[in-house]
Protein backbone atom coordinates (compact mmCIF):
# COMPACT_ATOMS: atom_id res chain seq x y z
CA MET A 1 148.65 138.65 177.41
CA ASP A 2 145.86 139.27 179.87
CA PHE A 3 143.43 136.36 179.82
CA THR A 4 140.93 138.04 182.12
CA LEU A 5 137.57 137.66 180.45
CA SER A 6 135.73 140.80 179.46
CA PRO A 7 132.42 141.42 181.26
CA GLU A 8 130.55 140.51 178.04
CA ILE A 9 132.31 137.16 177.62
CA GLU A 10 132.07 136.33 181.32
CA ASN A 11 128.33 136.98 181.15
CA ILE A 12 128.00 134.67 178.14
CA ARG A 13 130.06 132.02 179.90
CA LEU A 14 127.83 132.07 182.96
CA ARG A 15 124.65 132.06 180.88
CA THR A 16 126.00 129.10 178.91
CA ARG A 17 126.67 127.25 182.15
CA ALA A 18 123.12 127.87 183.34
CA PHE A 19 121.59 126.91 179.96
CA ILE A 20 123.44 123.59 179.81
CA GLU A 21 122.44 122.82 183.40
CA GLU A 22 118.76 123.57 182.82
CA HIS A 23 118.07 122.50 179.25
CA VAL A 24 120.73 120.04 178.08
CA LEU A 25 121.95 117.88 180.97
CA PRO A 26 118.42 116.56 181.67
CA LEU A 27 118.22 115.34 178.06
CA GLU A 28 121.61 113.65 178.34
CA ALA A 29 120.50 111.82 181.49
CA ASP A 30 117.71 109.93 179.67
CA ARG A 31 118.94 107.23 177.29
CA GLY A 32 115.63 107.45 175.48
CA ASN A 33 116.78 110.80 174.10
CA TYR A 34 119.72 109.24 172.22
CA ASP A 35 119.64 108.23 168.56
CA ASP A 36 121.01 104.94 167.22
CA HIS A 37 124.53 106.41 167.06
CA GLU A 38 124.53 107.76 170.64
CA ASN A 39 123.91 111.39 169.84
CA ILE A 40 120.86 113.46 170.74
CA ARG A 41 117.74 112.63 168.74
CA PHE A 42 117.28 115.21 166.02
CA ASP A 43 113.63 115.87 166.86
CA LEU A 44 114.69 116.89 170.37
CA LEU A 45 117.67 118.85 169.10
CA THR A 46 115.55 121.24 167.05
CA LYS A 47 113.56 122.12 170.18
CA VAL A 48 116.76 122.87 172.10
CA TRP A 49 117.94 125.03 169.19
CA ASP A 50 114.88 127.24 169.61
CA LYS A 51 115.70 127.67 173.30
CA ALA A 52 119.36 128.47 172.56
CA LYS A 53 118.37 131.13 170.04
CA ALA A 54 115.91 132.65 172.48
CA ALA A 55 118.60 132.68 175.18
CA GLY A 56 121.07 134.53 172.94
CA LEU A 57 123.57 131.66 172.97
CA TRP A 58 123.41 130.65 169.32
CA ALA A 59 126.37 130.21 166.93
CA PRO A 60 129.05 131.99 169.00
CA GLN A 61 131.62 131.95 166.18
CA ALA A 62 129.34 133.29 163.41
CA PRO A 63 129.17 137.01 162.50
CA LYS A 64 126.42 139.00 164.18
CA GLU A 65 124.99 140.09 160.82
CA PHE A 66 124.29 136.42 160.06
CA GLY A 67 122.65 135.68 163.39
CA GLY A 68 125.65 134.59 165.46
CA LEU A 69 127.34 136.12 168.48
CA GLY A 70 130.49 137.21 166.65
CA LEU A 71 132.75 136.31 169.58
CA PRO A 72 136.56 136.45 169.39
CA ALA A 73 138.48 133.19 169.77
CA VAL A 74 139.06 133.73 173.48
CA GLY A 75 135.29 134.03 173.80
CA TRP A 76 134.87 130.72 172.02
CA ALA A 77 137.27 129.13 174.49
CA ALA A 78 135.30 130.30 177.50
CA MET A 79 131.91 129.40 176.06
CA TYR A 80 132.78 126.07 174.41
CA GLU A 81 134.31 124.75 177.62
CA GLU A 82 131.04 125.41 179.41
CA ALA A 83 128.99 124.05 176.51
CA ASN A 84 130.74 120.70 176.54
CA ARG A 85 129.98 120.01 180.17
CA SER A 86 127.31 117.98 178.39
CA ILE A 87 128.03 115.63 175.51
CA PHE A 88 125.07 117.30 173.74
CA GLY A 89 126.10 120.87 174.59
CA PRO A 90 128.04 122.01 171.50
CA VAL A 91 125.46 120.77 169.00
CA ALA A 92 122.72 122.39 171.09
CA LEU A 93 124.39 125.80 170.65
CA ASN A 94 125.47 125.28 167.01
CA CYS A 95 129.18 125.23 167.85
CA CYS A 96 130.06 121.60 167.11
CA ALA A 97 132.25 120.12 164.40
CA PRO A 98 132.21 120.20 161.42
CA ASP A 99 129.71 123.08 161.12
CA ASP A 100 131.80 125.17 163.52
CA GLY A 101 134.89 125.16 161.31
CA ASN A 102 132.90 125.57 158.11
CA MET A 103 131.08 128.63 159.42
CA ASN A 104 134.38 130.13 160.51
CA VAL A 105 136.14 129.71 157.16
CA LEU A 106 133.14 130.85 155.11
CA ALA A 107 132.84 133.95 157.26
CA LYS A 108 136.51 134.72 156.75
CA VAL A 109 136.99 134.11 153.02
CA GLY A 110 133.59 133.80 151.34
CA THR A 111 132.31 136.51 149.02
CA PRO A 112 129.14 138.34 150.06
CA ALA A 113 127.12 136.19 147.65
CA GLN A 114 128.72 132.98 148.89
CA LYS A 115 128.03 133.89 152.49
CA GLU A 116 124.35 134.43 151.72
CA LYS A 117 124.06 131.17 149.82
CA TRP A 118 126.31 128.83 151.81
CA LEU A 119 126.93 130.37 155.25
CA ARG A 120 123.63 131.86 156.36
CA PRO A 121 121.66 128.57 156.14
CA ILE A 122 124.28 126.83 158.33
CA VAL A 123 124.18 129.62 160.91
CA ASN A 124 120.38 129.51 160.91
CA GLY A 125 120.42 125.76 161.51
CA ASP A 126 118.48 125.18 158.28
CA VAL A 127 121.21 122.87 156.92
CA ARG A 128 124.23 120.94 158.19
CA SER A 129 127.60 120.94 156.43
CA ALA A 130 130.75 118.87 155.86
CA PHE A 131 134.40 119.49 154.98
CA VAL A 132 135.55 117.04 152.31
CA MET A 133 139.33 116.54 152.32
CA THR A 134 140.58 113.18 153.66
CA GLU A 135 141.11 110.33 151.19
CA PRO A 136 141.84 106.61 151.41
CA ALA A 137 145.42 105.57 150.69
CA PRO A 138 147.29 106.39 148.54
CA GLY A 139 145.42 109.71 148.69
CA GLY A 140 145.84 112.58 151.10
CA GLY A 141 145.24 112.41 154.83
CA SER A 142 147.37 114.54 157.10
CA ASP A 143 149.44 115.45 154.03
CA PRO A 144 147.22 117.49 151.66
CA GLY A 145 149.98 117.32 149.05
CA MET A 146 148.91 113.71 148.42
CA ILE A 147 145.31 114.56 147.50
CA ARG A 148 144.29 112.73 144.31
CA THR A 149 140.64 113.76 143.86
CA ARG A 150 140.79 115.97 140.79
CA ALA A 151 138.70 118.80 139.39
CA GLU A 152 139.23 119.45 135.68
CA ARG A 153 137.86 122.39 133.75
CA LYS A 154 135.45 121.46 130.98
CA GLY A 155 133.83 124.46 129.34
CA ASP A 156 132.52 126.76 132.05
CA LYS A 157 132.42 124.04 134.75
CA TRP A 158 134.81 122.03 136.88
CA VAL A 159 134.24 118.26 136.77
CA VAL A 160 135.24 116.32 139.88
CA THR A 161 136.36 112.69 140.03
CA GLY A 162 137.84 110.79 142.96
CA ARG A 163 137.14 109.36 146.37
CA LYS A 164 137.05 110.71 149.93
CA TRP A 165 136.46 109.06 153.28
CA PHE A 166 135.93 109.71 156.99
CA ILE A 167 133.97 112.81 156.02
CA THR A 168 132.30 113.86 159.26
CA GLY A 169 128.61 114.67 159.08
CA ALA A 170 128.27 113.84 155.38
CA GLY A 171 125.22 111.68 156.00
CA VAL A 172 123.07 114.67 156.99
CA ALA A 173 124.95 117.53 155.29
CA SER A 174 123.49 119.70 152.57
CA HIS A 175 126.42 122.09 152.08
CA PHE A 176 129.88 120.72 151.35
CA ILE A 177 133.32 122.31 151.09
CA LEU A 178 135.51 120.13 148.87
CA MET A 179 139.30 120.13 148.46
CA ALA A 180 140.35 118.89 145.01
CA ARG A 181 143.50 118.95 142.89
CA THR A 182 143.35 121.40 139.99
CA SER A 183 147.03 121.35 138.97
CA ASP A 184 150.36 119.77 139.84
CA GLU A 185 151.98 123.08 140.76
CA PRO A 186 153.61 122.85 144.21
CA ARG A 187 151.72 124.79 146.90
CA ARG A 188 149.06 125.81 144.35
CA HIS A 189 147.70 122.39 143.42
CA LEU A 190 144.51 122.49 145.49
CA THR A 191 141.30 124.47 145.08
CA GLY A 192 138.33 124.75 147.39
CA PHE A 193 134.86 124.17 145.95
CA MET A 194 131.35 124.27 147.36
CA PHE A 195 128.53 121.99 146.29
CA HIS A 196 125.03 121.03 147.42
CA LYS A 197 123.89 117.52 148.31
CA ASP A 198 121.29 117.49 145.52
CA GLN A 199 123.81 118.00 142.71
CA PRO A 200 124.36 114.88 140.59
CA GLY A 201 127.77 113.29 140.05
CA TRP A 202 128.59 112.09 143.55
CA ARG A 203 127.31 109.61 146.11
CA ILE A 204 127.82 108.31 149.62
CA ILE A 205 129.26 104.81 149.34
CA ARG A 206 128.84 103.97 153.00
CA ARG A 207 128.69 105.28 156.54
CA ILE A 208 131.90 103.89 157.99
CA PRO A 209 131.33 101.91 161.20
CA ILE A 210 133.46 103.30 164.02
CA MET A 211 134.03 102.68 167.72
CA GLY A 212 131.57 105.49 168.35
CA PRO A 213 129.88 107.55 169.58
CA GLU A 214 129.23 109.54 166.42
CA GLU A 215 128.33 113.00 165.25
CA HIS A 216 125.07 113.38 163.34
CA GLY A 217 125.69 112.11 159.82
CA GLY A 218 128.56 109.83 160.84
CA HIS A 219 131.84 109.46 159.01
CA CYS A 220 131.22 108.64 155.37
CA GLU A 221 133.05 107.44 152.28
CA LEU A 222 132.19 109.45 149.15
CA GLU A 223 132.70 108.86 145.44
CA PHE A 224 132.82 111.61 142.81
CA ASP A 225 132.10 110.63 139.24
CA GLY A 226 131.38 113.76 137.24
CA LEU A 227 130.17 116.30 139.81
CA GLU A 228 130.00 119.67 138.00
CA ILE A 229 130.82 122.88 139.88
CA PRO A 230 130.71 126.40 138.37
CA ASP A 231 133.41 129.03 138.97
CA GLU A 232 131.10 131.01 141.26
CA ASN A 233 131.32 128.16 143.78
CA ILE A 234 135.11 128.28 144.07
CA LEU A 235 136.14 129.39 147.54
CA MET A 236 138.78 132.12 147.32
CA LYS A 237 140.70 131.53 144.04
CA GLN A 238 141.94 128.61 142.02
CA GLY A 239 145.05 127.26 143.72
CA ASP A 240 144.20 128.68 147.16
CA GLY A 241 143.21 125.32 148.62
CA LEU A 242 146.20 124.96 150.93
CA ARG A 243 145.57 128.41 152.33
CA ILE A 244 141.93 127.52 152.93
CA THR A 245 142.98 124.43 154.88
CA GLN A 246 145.27 126.55 157.05
CA ILE A 247 142.56 129.13 157.72
CA ARG A 248 139.97 126.47 158.52
CA LEU A 249 141.86 123.67 160.23
CA GLY A 250 143.89 125.69 162.73
CA PRO A 251 140.89 127.25 164.51
CA ALA A 252 138.89 124.02 164.06
CA ARG A 253 141.58 122.03 165.86
CA LEU A 254 141.58 124.56 168.65
CA THR A 255 137.79 124.53 169.04
CA HIS A 256 138.03 120.74 169.44
CA CYS A 257 140.39 121.40 172.34
CA MET A 258 138.04 123.97 173.87
CA ARG A 259 135.23 121.44 173.87
CA TRP A 260 137.45 118.58 175.10
CA LEU A 261 138.45 120.63 178.13
CA GLY A 262 134.78 120.82 179.09
CA LEU A 263 134.44 117.05 178.80
CA SER A 264 137.65 116.52 180.78
CA LYS A 265 136.32 118.67 183.61
CA ARG A 266 133.00 116.78 183.54
CA CYS A 267 134.86 113.48 183.93
CA LEU A 268 136.58 114.81 187.05
CA GLU A 269 133.26 116.11 188.32
CA ILE A 270 131.72 112.64 188.07
CA ALA A 271 134.76 111.06 189.70
CA GLN A 272 134.86 113.56 192.57
CA GLU A 273 131.18 113.09 193.34
CA TYR A 274 131.61 109.32 193.52
CA VAL A 275 134.80 109.12 195.58
CA GLY A 276 133.33 111.70 197.95
CA ARG A 277 130.61 109.25 199.04
CA ARG A 278 132.04 105.80 198.32
CA GLU A 279 133.75 103.94 201.15
CA GLY A 280 135.98 100.89 201.07
CA PHE A 281 137.61 99.08 203.98
CA GLY A 282 136.35 101.74 206.34
CA VAL A 283 137.85 104.67 204.46
CA ARG A 284 136.18 107.15 202.11
CA LEU A 285 137.86 106.94 198.69
CA ALA A 286 138.35 110.71 198.60
CA ASP A 287 140.48 110.45 201.74
CA ARG A 288 142.93 108.01 200.19
CA GLU A 289 146.19 109.62 199.08
CA SER A 290 146.37 107.45 195.97
CA VAL A 291 142.98 108.76 194.83
CA GLN A 292 143.93 112.35 195.58
CA ILE A 293 147.12 112.00 193.51
CA LYS A 294 145.15 110.68 190.52
CA LEU A 295 142.64 113.52 190.66
CA GLY A 296 145.29 116.15 191.27
CA GLU A 297 147.35 115.03 188.29
CA VAL A 298 144.39 115.22 185.91
CA ALA A 299 143.40 118.64 187.26
CA HIS A 300 146.98 119.76 186.68
CA GLN A 301 146.91 118.58 183.06
CA ILE A 302 143.52 120.21 182.43
CA GLN A 303 144.77 123.57 183.62
CA ILE A 304 147.88 123.31 181.43
CA GLY A 305 145.55 122.58 178.52
CA ARG A 306 143.39 125.61 179.32
CA LEU A 307 146.45 127.88 179.27
CA LEU A 308 147.68 126.40 175.99
CA VAL A 309 144.25 126.85 174.43
CA MET A 310 143.81 130.41 175.68
CA HIS A 311 147.28 131.38 174.45
CA ALA A 312 146.55 129.97 170.99
CA ALA A 313 143.12 131.66 170.96
CA TRP A 314 144.70 134.97 171.92
CA LYS A 315 147.19 134.65 169.05
CA LEU A 316 144.37 133.88 166.61
CA ASP A 317 142.66 137.05 167.77
CA GLN A 318 145.87 138.98 166.95
CA GLY A 319 145.61 137.75 163.35
CA ASP A 320 148.22 135.02 163.75
CA LEU A 321 147.81 131.50 162.37
CA ALA A 322 149.16 130.20 165.71
CA ARG A 323 150.33 126.98 164.09
CA LYS A 324 152.78 126.05 166.84
CA GLU A 325 150.38 126.97 169.60
CA VAL A 326 147.48 125.07 168.07
CA SER A 327 149.61 121.95 167.59
CA MET A 328 150.78 122.09 171.19
CA ALA A 329 147.21 122.44 172.44
CA LYS A 330 145.93 119.68 170.15
CA VAL A 331 148.45 117.11 171.38
CA HIS A 332 148.14 117.99 175.04
CA VAL A 333 144.37 118.36 175.33
CA ALA A 334 143.58 115.23 173.29
CA ASN A 335 145.75 113.17 175.63
CA THR A 336 144.36 114.92 178.69
CA LEU A 337 140.81 114.04 177.67
CA HIS A 338 141.77 110.39 177.37
CA GLN A 339 143.53 110.52 180.76
CA ALA A 340 140.57 112.22 182.43
CA ALA A 341 138.12 109.61 181.15
CA ASP A 342 140.42 106.71 182.02
CA VAL A 343 141.14 107.90 185.57
CA SER A 344 137.49 108.67 186.20
CA ILE A 345 136.41 105.22 185.03
CA GLN A 346 139.03 103.63 187.26
CA LEU A 347 137.87 105.58 190.29
CA ASN A 348 134.22 104.74 189.59
CA GLY A 349 135.01 101.06 189.22
CA ALA A 350 132.34 98.94 187.53
CA ARG A 351 129.99 101.93 187.59
CA GLY A 352 132.40 103.83 185.35
CA PHE A 353 132.52 100.95 182.88
CA SER A 354 128.73 100.86 182.69
CA LYS A 355 126.36 103.22 180.93
CA ASP A 356 125.08 104.60 184.24
CA THR A 357 127.35 107.60 183.61
CA ILE A 358 128.71 109.16 180.41
CA LEU A 359 132.28 108.12 181.25
CA GLU A 360 132.40 105.14 178.89
CA TRP A 361 130.90 107.35 176.13
CA VAL A 362 133.64 109.93 176.69
CA TYR A 363 136.33 107.24 176.86
CA ARG A 364 135.46 105.92 173.40
CA TYR A 365 135.14 109.43 172.02
CA ALA A 366 138.47 110.42 173.57
CA ARG A 367 140.41 107.80 171.64
CA GLU A 368 139.32 109.49 168.44
CA ALA A 369 140.66 112.82 169.70
CA ARG A 370 144.28 111.75 169.18
CA LEU A 371 143.55 111.11 165.48
CA VAL A 372 141.08 113.73 164.23
CA ASP A 373 142.49 116.87 162.60
CA GLY A 374 146.00 115.44 162.66
CA ALA A 375 147.40 112.58 164.72
CA ASP A 376 149.64 113.32 167.72
CA GLU A 377 152.71 112.33 165.74
CA VAL A 378 151.97 114.77 162.91
CA HIS A 379 151.64 117.70 165.29
CA LYS A 380 154.87 116.75 167.05
CA MET A 381 156.60 116.70 163.67
CA VAL A 382 155.21 120.17 162.98
CA LEU A 383 156.66 121.40 166.26
CA ALA A 384 160.03 119.80 165.52
CA ARG A 385 160.18 121.54 162.12
CA PHE A 386 159.38 124.90 163.68
CA MET A 387 162.05 124.36 166.30
CA ARG A 388 164.60 123.42 163.64
CA ASP A 389 163.77 126.45 161.48
CA GLU A 390 163.38 129.04 164.22
CA GLY A 391 166.04 127.99 166.70
CA ARG A 392 165.82 129.99 169.91
CA ASP A 393 163.07 132.14 168.37
CA PHE A 394 160.81 129.09 168.67
CA TRP A 395 160.19 130.25 172.24
CA SER A 396 159.41 133.87 171.31
CA TRP A 397 156.31 135.55 172.75
CA GLY A 398 155.99 137.71 169.64
CA ALA A 399 153.79 137.46 166.55
CA GLY A 400 154.32 134.63 164.09
CA ASN A 401 152.58 133.73 160.81
CA LYS A 402 149.81 136.14 159.91
CA ILE A 403 146.69 135.03 158.10
């Protein structure tokens, strides 16, 4: 496992760093560029998209034949970390959730016709997308076996009824990937469907208010009352829904971690700049041992997270599902992001609690990180099950579950 970046990926990483510095950080610095939900205004975003495309930094995860960079997962890790030095960085390069995960799964399992219809517009930036799985209790959340939204065959169509919620980006999405129950057969009860926002038979009940900040389109509650979907819009085959979730959610969780590492490093950057010039009681804060210990501990945790992420990315590139490795990275990096924001706010004092920096934005966002794509506790349970089933082989360096 040699994690030395190839010359191509190192070049992309450095160009991403320069692009964020020149074109994105200045937008972040002006509160007038934010929308009502604390994301970049969409009219400004489309202008940045043009610059990202011209710079050859567009859609790093998407296949080259569809206009992306076609990078391997280790390339994503290097680029996403640089992109999320800014809170607007990932969306500026078309590598933010949920589009990121949707592009990845469509590229992997979509038919040629499905890729043209559903994937290419997302890669182009013509439409946004959403992944529709989570349900209110007693429906499925972290446990997809509990999903109650049902699709029943009627003639040559599937008719969908049910309810979903906390569907990220649904408010602006045009293309949706939906997980629905099509049978009660264990492990084969779910099917993946695709539908367009203009199809009748569904509606957005509300945009759920959250602590914020929010992605474009928010987190929405949806109701399905007769949405009709033809067979041609089934993703993979009937009953393959659980496999689709594995193929999509594993890499999606890891790309969250890649981006969170960038934000964690930015928090330390802000803290280091401040303690380097702030004095108290005749001593520069950076010279106090207590401050050095705080910064050193966070730096330590960030580097552990980077190694966990790169190891998982490397395994994905070998064709492995990397379930253990992704769960380890997800737990560690989510908590590290929260720690980095918290420590940086503490060291900045009242300034950190204000909106003069992005620290309070990151702090609120970081609390969500321990919940999205599986709560900490769920991933720790996954690791415990692997350890129980594999025994000493849990620690093997070899290949695991292939896609």
